[in-house]
Amino acid sequence: MAKSNVLIFGATGALGGAIHARFTAADWNIYCAVRSPSTLPNSFLLPITQDHLPAEIASVEFDAVIFAQGTNSNGNVMNTETAELLRVFEGNVIAITEATAGLMHHNKIKQGGRIVILSSLWELLTRQDKMAYTVSKAAVGGLVRSMAVDLGRTKGILVNGILPGIVRTPMAEKLLAPSQIENVANGTPGGRLVTPEDVGNSAYLLACESNTAISGQSIYVDNAFSVARVI
């Protein structure tokens, strides 16, 4: 039986790397779209657009596509420059729409394929000083629903978003104070932050052949942090 093919954007990051590891464990053929040269096997340089398709994937059709790249930002509506808002929107939304349009134009996603987009719990919630990031992730939620309808009608493609909670990664430890991380852990049932492996497992569940009807959903992966009010 032929192996399934997955295309991962952002495989060099902490979450993308965990997703890569999960699909490796499941024995998929993995291709990695990267912005700069990488030692990852089957990696190739972006962009993918309607006008350009990298030669490395010219003969490949994908069973699944995972968007795990992203752009972070801190700031509020009073101190965030328009250029910063546009930069974050470009990285978190437009990069996905352009690549998806390119993949569809070149017929690179199989009939009944699956797309998974890593968003954030800040898509539906927010915290202080996270305006540009929250706005961009809210747009990702709309993108998931829109793509689920349009690509579902076109090729039966299932599209979903994953909303990780605060994940214990070097980026989180850089952006958050130790007291903030402790607050999240204390407010999470079980007292445990989400791990990259949790995110990898969730992405695989939505992208593998076992998902036959889940589409258009934004699914929290946060150990119930989003619904807990620990008092």
C-alpha atoms as a PDB file:
ATOM      1  CA  MET A   1       0.000   0.000   0.000  1.00  0.00           C
ATOM      2  CA  ALA A   2       1.360   3.420  -0.968  1.00  0.00           C
ATOM      3  CA  LYS A   3       2.328   5.800   1.808  1.00  0.00           C
ATOM      4  CA  SER A   4       0.310   8.954   2.368  1.00  0.00           C
ATOM      5  CA  ASN A   5       1.889  12.331   1.602  1.00  0.00           C
ATOM      6  CA  VAL A   6       1.829  15.343   3.924  1.00  0.00           C
ATOM      7  CA  LEU A   7       3.088  18.865   3.311  1.00  0.00           C
ATOM      8  CA  ILE A   8       4.117  20.762   6.450  1.00  0.00           C
ATOM      9  CA  PHE A   9       4.678  24.504   6.589  1.00  0.00           C
ATOM     10  CA  GLY A  10       6.760  25.562   9.599  1.00  0.00           C
ATOM     11  CA  ALA A  11       8.332  22.169  10.326  1.00  0.00           C
ATOM     12  CA  THR A  12      11.480  23.827  11.692  1.00  0.00           C
ATOM     13  CA  GLY A  13       9.619  25.363  14.658  1.00  0.00           C
ATOM     14  CA  ALA A  14       8.842  23.711  17.977  1.00  0.00           C
ATOM     15  CA  LEU A  15       5.239  22.854  17.103  1.00  0.00           C
ATOM     16  CA  GLY A  16       5.945  22.092  13.466  1.00  0.00           C
ATOM     17  CA  GLY A  17       8.788  19.835  14.557  1.00  0.00           C
ATOM     18  CA  ALA A  18       6.478  17.899  16.858  1.00  0.00           C
ATOM     19  CA  ILE A  19       3.982  17.523  14.017  1.00  0.00           C
ATOM     20  CA  HIS A  20       6.800  16.322  11.753  1.00  0.00           C
ATOM     21  CA  ALA A  21       7.786  13.737  14.373  1.00  0.00           C
ATOM     22  CA  ARG A  22       4.204  12.464  14.692  1.00  0.00           C
ATOM     23  CA  PHE A  23       3.818  11.935  10.960  1.00  0.00           C
ATOM     24  CA  THR A  24       7.258  10.311  10.844  1.00  0.00           C
ATOM     25  CA  ALA A  25       6.103   7.844  13.496  1.00  0.00           C
ATOM     26  CA  ALA A  26       3.055   7.080  11.336  1.00  0.00           C
ATOM     27  CA  ASP A  27       5.321   6.404   8.319  1.00  0.00           C
ATOM     28  CA  TRP A  28       4.029   9.144   6.023  1.00  0.00           C
ATOM     29  CA  ASN A  29       6.028  10.719   3.215  1.00  0.00           C
ATOM     30  CA  ILE A  30       6.774  14.201   4.559  1.00  0.00           C
ATOM     31  CA  TYR A  31       7.553  17.327   2.533  1.00  0.00           C
ATOM     32  CA  CYS A  32       8.543  20.571   4.233  1.00  0.00           C
ATOM     33  CA  ALA A  33       7.956  24.070   2.857  1.00  0.00           C
ATOM     34  CA  VAL A  34      10.576  26.400   4.361  1.00  0.00           C
ATOM     35  CA  ARG A  35      11.566  30.060   4.095  1.00  0.00           C
ATOM     36  CA  SER A  36      15.316  29.417   4.349  1.00  0.00           C
ATOM     37  CA  PRO A  37      17.495  26.384   3.506  1.00  0.00           C
ATOM     38  CA  SER A  38      16.950  23.465   5.875  1.00  0.00           C
ATOM     39  CA  THR A  39      18.527  20.082   6.523  1.00  0.00           C
ATOM     40  CA  LEU A  40      15.095  18.477   6.845  1.00  0.00           C
ATOM     41  CA  PRO A  41      14.600  15.727   4.238  1.00  0.00           C
ATOM     42  CA  ASN A  42      12.328  16.668   1.322  1.00  0.00           C
ATOM     43  CA  SER A  43      12.441  20.352   2.237  1.00  0.00           C
ATOM     44  CA  PHE A  44      12.110  23.054  -0.390  1.00  0.00           C
ATOM     45  CA  LEU A  45      12.017  26.820  -0.480  1.00  0.00           C
ATOM     46  CA  LEU A  46       8.828  28.827  -0.634  1.00  0.00           C
ATOM     47  CA  PRO A  47       6.881  30.429  -2.195  1.00  0.00           C
ATOM     48  CA  ILE A  48       4.026  28.351  -3.501  1.00  0.00           C
ATOM     49  CA  THR A  49       1.733  30.584  -5.526  1.00  0.00           C
ATOM     50  CA  GLN A  50      -0.543  30.330  -8.511  1.00  0.00           C
ATOM     51  CA  ASP A  51       2.398  31.530 -10.614  1.00  0.00           C
ATOM     52  CA  HIS A  52       5.094  29.379  -9.018  1.00  0.00           C
ATOM     53  CA  LEU A  53       5.289  25.731  -7.956  1.00  0.00           C
ATOM     54  CA  PRO A  54       8.595  24.434  -6.547  1.00  0.00           C
ATOM     55  CA  ALA A  55      10.035  21.667  -8.710  1.00  0.00           C
ATOM     56  CA  GLU A  56      10.439  19.405  -5.673  1.00  0.00           C
ATOM     57  CA  ILE A  57       6.670  18.855  -5.454  1.00  0.00           C
ATOM     58  CA  ALA A  58       5.800  18.990  -9.145  1.00  0.00           C
ATOM     59  CA  SER A  59       4.888  15.291  -9.239  1.00  0.00           C
ATOM     60  CA  VAL A  60       3.396  14.968  -5.735  1.00  0.00           C
ATOM     61  CA  GLU A  61      -0.226  15.060  -4.601  1.00  0.00           C
ATOM     62  CA  PHE A  62      -0.860  15.571  -0.908  1.00  0.00           C
ATOM     63  CA  ASP A  63      -3.273  13.709   1.312  1.00  0.00           C
ATOM     64  CA  ALA A  64      -2.805  16.362   3.996  1.00  0.00           C
ATOM     65  CA  VAL A  65      -1.419  19.885   4.352  1.00  0.00           C
ATOM     66  CA  ILE A  66      -0.436  21.340   7.727  1.00  0.00           C
ATOM     67  CA  PHE A  67       0.131  25.058   8.280  1.00  0.00           C
ATOM     68  CA  ALA A  68       2.254  25.321  11.427  1.00  0.00           C
ATOM     69  CA  GLN A  69       4.125  28.536  10.678  1.00  0.00           C
ATOM     70  CA  GLY A  70       3.212  31.846  12.238  1.00  0.00           C
ATOM     71  CA  THR A  71       4.187  35.306  13.408  1.00  0.00           C
ATOM     72  CA  ASN A  72       3.946  36.500  17.003  1.00  0.00           C
ATOM     73  CA  SER A  73       3.612  39.983  18.425  1.00  0.00           C
ATOM     74  CA  ASN A  74       3.012  41.785  21.698  1.00  0.00           C
ATOM     75  CA  GLY A  75       1.277  45.146  22.000  1.00  0.00           C
ATOM     76  CA  ASN A  76      -2.121  46.795  22.306  1.00  0.00           C
ATOM     77  CA  VAL A  77      -4.297  49.036  20.161  1.00  0.00           C
ATOM     78  CA  MET A  78      -2.686  52.132  21.672  1.00  0.00           C
ATOM     79  CA  ASN A  79       0.923  51.291  20.868  1.00  0.00           C
ATOM     80  CA  THR A  80       0.872  48.912  17.884  1.00  0.00           C
ATOM     81  CA  GLU A  81       1.883  50.546  14.614  1.00  0.00           C
ATOM     82  CA  THR A  82      -0.125  49.776  11.488  1.00  0.00           C
ATOM     83  CA  ALA A  83       2.994  48.289   9.901  1.00  0.00           C
ATOM     84  CA  GLU A  84       3.256  45.776  12.749  1.00  0.00           C
ATOM     85  CA  LEU A  85      -0.398  44.783  12.416  1.00  0.00           C
ATOM     86  CA  LEU A  86       0.093  44.234   8.687  1.00  0.00           C
ATOM     87  CA  ARG A  87       3.280  42.207   9.300  1.00  0.00           C
ATOM     88  CA  VAL A  88       1.466  39.860  11.666  1.00  0.00           C
ATOM     89  CA  PHE A  89      -1.551  39.570   9.366  1.00  0.00           C
ATOM     90  CA  GLU A  90       0.776  38.771   6.458  1.00  0.00           C
ATOM     91  CA  GLY A  91       2.478  35.974   8.391  1.00  0.00           C
ATOM     92  CA  ASN A  92      -0.609  34.440   9.983  1.00  0.00           C
ATOM     93  CA  VAL A  93      -3.270  34.841   7.297  1.00  0.00           C
ATOM     94  CA  ILE A  94      -2.062  35.905   3.861  1.00  0.00           C
ATOM     95  CA  ALA A  95       0.759  33.353   3.797  1.00  0.00           C
ATOM     96  CA  ILE A  96      -1.872  30.635   4.213  1.00  0.00           C
ATOM     97  CA  THR A  97      -4.314  31.985   1.630  1.00  0.00           C
ATOM     98  CA  GLU A  98      -1.604  32.444  -0.998  1.00  0.00           C
ATOM     99  CA  ALA A  99      -0.128  28.978  -0.492  1.00  0.00           C
ATOM    100  CA  THR A 100      -3.542  27.316  -0.477  1.00  0.00           C
ATOM    101  CA  ALA A 101      -4.538  29.110  -3.670  1.00  0.00           C
ATOM    102  CA  GLY A 102      -1.287  27.933  -5.248  1.00  0.00           C
ATOM    103  CA  LEU A 103      -1.764  24.329  -4.157  1.00  0.00           C
ATOM    104  CA  MET A 104      -5.315  24.279  -5.472  1.00  0.00           C
ATOM    105  CA  HIS A 105      -4.344  25.970  -8.740  1.00  0.00           C
ATOM    106  CA  HIS A 106      -1.689  23.314  -9.375  1.00  0.00           C
ATOM    107  CA  ASN A 107      -3.986  20.485  -8.200  1.00  0.00           C
ATOM    108  CA  LYS A 108      -1.646  19.414  -5.410  1.00  0.00           C
ATOM    109  CA  ILE A 109      -4.257  18.394  -2.791  1.00  0.00           C
ATOM    110  CA  LYS A 110      -6.053  15.116  -3.356  1.00  0.00           C
ATOM    111  CA  GLN A 111      -9.798  14.715  -3.574  1.00  0.00           C
ATOM    112  CA  GLY A 112     -11.010  14.338   0.007  1.00  0.00           C
ATOM    113  CA  GLY A 113      -7.728  15.628   1.419  1.00  0.00           C
ATOM    114  CA  ARG A 114      -7.324  17.415   4.733  1.00  0.00           C
ATOM    115  CA  ILE A 115      -5.923  20.775   5.761  1.00  0.00           C
ATOM    116  CA  VAL A 116      -5.016  21.611   9.358  1.00  0.00           C
ATOM    117  CA  ILE A 117      -4.115  25.156  10.399  1.00  0.00           C
ATOM    118  CA  LEU A 118      -2.403  25.904  13.691  1.00  0.00           C
ATOM    119  CA  SER A 119      -4.101  28.883  15.230  1.00  0.00           C
ATOM    120  CA  SER A 120      -4.174  29.739  18.944  1.00  0.00           C
ATOM    121  CA  LEU A 121      -6.581  29.917  21.838  1.00  0.00           C
ATOM    122  CA  TRP A 122      -6.229  33.691  21.341  1.00  0.00           C
ATOM    123  CA  GLU A 123      -8.368  33.195  18.230  1.00  0.00           C
ATOM    124  CA  LEU A 124     -11.435  33.130  20.489  1.00  0.00           C
ATOM    125  CA  LEU A 125     -10.043  34.539  23.727  1.00  0.00           C
ATOM    126  CA  THR A 126      -7.550  37.293  24.425  1.00  0.00           C
ATOM    127  CA  ARG A 127      -5.166  38.602  27.026  1.00  0.00           C
ATOM    128  CA  GLN A 128      -3.513  41.926  27.690  1.00  0.00           C
ATOM    129  CA  ASP A 129      -1.066  43.315  25.113  1.00  0.00           C
ATOM    130  CA  LYS A 130      -1.843  40.796  22.366  1.00  0.00           C
ATOM    131  CA  MET A 131      -3.893  42.891  19.927  1.00  0.00           C
ATOM    132  CA  ALA A 132      -2.258  42.220  16.534  1.00  0.00           C
ATOM    133  CA  TYR A 133      -1.814  38.527  17.245  1.00  0.00           C
ATOM    134  CA  THR A 134      -5.399  38.134  18.485  1.00  0.00           C
ATOM    135  CA  VAL A 135      -6.819  39.960  15.463  1.00  0.00           C
ATOM    136  CA  SER A 136      -4.814  37.804  13.051  1.00  0.00           C
ATOM    137  CA  LYS A 137      -5.826  34.564  14.761  1.00  0.00           C
ATOM    138  CA  ALA A 138      -9.482  35.609  14.776  1.00  0.00           C
ATOM    139  CA  ALA A 139      -9.095  35.975  11.016  1.00  0.00           C
ATOM    140  CA  VAL A 140      -7.666  32.447  10.861  1.00  0.00           C
ATOM    141  CA  GLY A 141     -10.922  31.169  12.366  1.00  0.00           C
ATOM    142  CA  GLY A 142     -12.867  32.819   9.575  1.00  0.00           C
ATOM    143  CA  LEU A 143     -10.412  31.419   7.063  1.00  0.00           C
ATOM    144  CA  VAL A 144     -10.910  27.874   8.370  1.00  0.00           C
ATOM    145  CA  ARG A 145     -14.673  28.129   8.016  1.00  0.00           C
ATOM    146  CA  SER A 146     -14.518  29.755   4.585  1.00  0.00           C
ATOM    147  CA  MET A 147     -12.018  27.229   3.238  1.00  0.00           C
ATOM    148  CA  ALA A 148     -14.018  24.335   4.679  1.00  0.00           C
ATOM    149  CA  VAL A 149     -17.010  25.430   2.607  1.00  0.00           C
ATOM    150  CA  ASP A 150     -15.212  26.391  -0.598  1.00  0.00           C
ATOM    151  CA  LEU A 151     -12.685  23.540  -0.707  1.00  0.00           C
ATOM    152  CA  GLY A 152     -15.276  21.072   0.519  1.00  0.00           C
ATOM    153  CA  ARG A 153     -17.528  21.998  -2.387  1.00  0.00           C
ATOM    154  CA  THR A 154     -14.626  21.904  -4.833  1.00  0.00           C
ATOM    155  CA  LYS A 155     -12.799  18.694  -3.842  1.00  0.00           C
ATOM    156  CA  GLY A 156     -14.317  17.351  -0.633  1.00  0.00           C
ATOM    157  CA  ILE A 157     -11.378  18.693   1.369  1.00  0.00           C
ATOM    158  CA  LEU A 158     -11.771  18.850   5.156  1.00  0.00           C
ATOM    159  CA  VAL A 159     -10.340  21.977   6.808  1.00  0.00           C
ATOM    160  CA  ASN A 160      -9.878  22.498  10.538  1.00  0.00           C
ATOM    161  CA  GLY A 161      -8.012  24.719  12.945  1.00  0.00           C
ATOM    162  CA  ILE A 162      -6.188  23.761  16.125  1.00  0.00           C
ATOM    163  CA  LEU A 163      -6.193  26.256  18.981  1.00  0.00           C
ATOM    164  CA  PRO A 164      -3.337  25.308  21.304  1.00  0.00           C
ATOM    165  CA  GLY A 165      -3.226  26.762  24.768  1.00  0.00           C
ATOM    166  CA  ILE A 166      -0.004  28.097  26.218  1.00  0.00           C
ATOM    167  CA  VAL A 167       2.492  25.510  24.983  1.00  0.00           C
ATOM    168  CA  ARG A 168       5.690  24.899  26.913  1.00  0.00           C
ATOM    169  CA  THR A 169       8.171  25.988  24.245  1.00  0.00           C
ATOM    170  CA  PRO A 170      11.242  28.253  24.190  1.00  0.00           C
ATOM    171  CA  MET A 171       9.080  30.956  22.560  1.00  0.00           C
ATOM    172  CA  ALA A 172       6.557  30.872  25.401  1.00  0.00           C
ATOM    173  CA  GLU A 173       9.317  31.058  27.970  1.00  0.00           C
ATOM    174  CA  LYS A 174      10.772  34.059  26.132  1.00  0.00           C
ATOM    175  CA  LEU A 175       7.489  35.958  25.772  1.00  0.00           C
ATOM    176  CA  LEU A 176       5.958  35.166  29.163  1.00  0.00           C
ATOM    177  CA  ALA A 177       7.267  35.840  32.636  1.00  0.00           C
ATOM    178  CA  PRO A 178       7.681  32.804  34.926  1.00  0.00           C
ATOM    179  CA  SER A 179       4.800  34.123  37.025  1.00  0.00           C
ATOM    180  CA  GLN A 180       2.538  34.175  33.946  1.00  0.00           C
ATOM    181  CA  ILE A 181       3.415  30.586  33.069  1.00  0.00           C
ATOM    182  CA  GLU A 182       2.711  29.600  36.667  1.00  0.00           C
ATOM    183  CA  ASN A 183      -0.661  31.369  36.505  1.00  0.00           C
ATOM    184  CA  VAL A 184      -1.600  29.381  33.400  1.00  0.00           C
ATOM    185  CA  ALA A 185      -0.570  26.091  34.992  1.00  0.00           C
ATOM    186  CA  ASN A 186      -2.514  26.899  38.158  1.00  0.00           C
ATOM    187  CA  GLY A 187      -5.589  27.761  36.081  1.00  0.00           C
ATOM    188  CA  THR A 188      -5.435  24.559  34.029  1.00  0.00           C
ATOM    189  CA  PRO A 189      -7.185  21.376  35.187  1.00  0.00           C
ATOM    190  CA  GLY A 190      -4.394  18.930  35.963  1.00  0.00           C
ATOM    191  CA  GLY A 191      -1.926  21.778  36.370  1.00  0.00           C
ATOM    192  CA  ARG A 192      -0.061  20.938  33.163  1.00  0.00           C
ATOM    193  CA  LEU A 193       0.727  23.157  30.211  1.00  0.00           C
ATOM    194  CA  VAL A 194       0.206  21.749  26.735  1.00  0.00           C
ATOM    195  CA  THR A 195       3.306  20.191  25.159  1.00  0.00           C
ATOM    196  CA  PRO A 196       4.406  20.255  21.507  1.00  0.00           C
ATOM    197  CA  GLU A 197       3.665  16.526  21.416  1.00  0.00           C
ATOM    198  CA  ASP A 198       0.047  17.233  22.377  1.00  0.00           C
ATOM    199  CA  VAL A 199      -0.223  19.555  19.393  1.00  0.00           C
ATOM    200  CA  GLY A 200       1.422  17.017  17.083  1.00  0.00           C
ATOM    201  CA  ASN A 201      -1.024  14.311  18.136  1.00  0.00           C
ATOM    202  CA  SER A 202      -3.997  16.620  17.582  1.00  0.00           C
ATOM    203  CA  ALA A 203      -2.828  17.683  14.134  1.00  0.00           C
ATOM    204  CA  TYR A 204      -2.396  14.058  13.152  1.00  0.00           C
ATOM    205  CA  LEU A 205      -5.883  13.119  14.346  1.00  0.00           C
ATOM    206  CA  LEU A 206      -7.446  15.759  12.099  1.00  0.00           C
ATOM    207  CA  ALA A 207      -5.182  15.066   9.116  1.00  0.00           C
ATOM    208  CA  CYS A 208      -5.207  11.280   8.995  1.00  0.00           C
ATOM    209  CA  GLU A 209      -7.653   9.015   7.183  1.00  0.00           C
ATOM    210  CA  SER A 210      -9.628   8.444  10.396  1.00  0.00           C
ATOM    211  CA  ASN A 211     -11.067  11.947  10.058  1.00  0.00           C
ATOM    212  CA  THR A 212     -13.905  11.430   7.638  1.00  0.00           C
ATOM    213  CA  ALA A 213     -16.297  14.284   8.476  1.00  0.00           C
ATOM    214  CA  ILE A 214     -14.814  16.844  10.901  1.00  0.00           C
ATOM    215  CA  SER A 215     -14.475  20.127   9.006  1.00  0.00           C
ATOM    216  CA  GLY A 216     -14.839  23.842   9.572  1.00  0.00           C
ATOM    217  CA  GLN A 217     -13.974  23.515  13.264  1.00  0.00           C
ATOM    218  CA  SER A 218     -11.626  25.446  15.529  1.00  0.00           C
ATOM    219  CA  ILE A 219     -10.666  22.976  18.245  1.00  0.00           C
ATOM    220  CA  TYR A 220      -9.013  23.884  21.538  1.00  0.00           C
ATOM    221  CA  VAL A 221      -5.980  21.823  22.541  1.00  0.00           C
ATOM    222  CA  ASP A 222      -5.427  23.279  25.987  1.00  0.00           C
ATOM    223  CA  ASN A 223      -6.228  20.771  28.742  1.00  0.00           C
ATOM    224  CA  ALA A 224      -9.514  22.658  29.304  1.00  0.00           C
ATOM    225  CA  PHE A 225      -7.754  25.925  30.216  1.00  0.00           C
ATOM    226  CA  SER A 226     -10.214  27.868  28.028  1.00  0.00           C
ATOM    227  CA  VAL A 227     -13.255  26.615  29.931  1.00  0.00           C
ATOM    228  CA  ALA A 228     -11.812  26.407  33.443  1.00  0.00           C
ATOM    229  CA  ARG A 229     -12.370  28.970  36.162  1.00  0.00           C
ATOM    230  CA  VAL A 230     -10.308  27.687  39.054  1.00  0.00           C
ATOM    231  CA  ILE A 231     -11.492  29.414  42.245  1.00  0.00           C
END
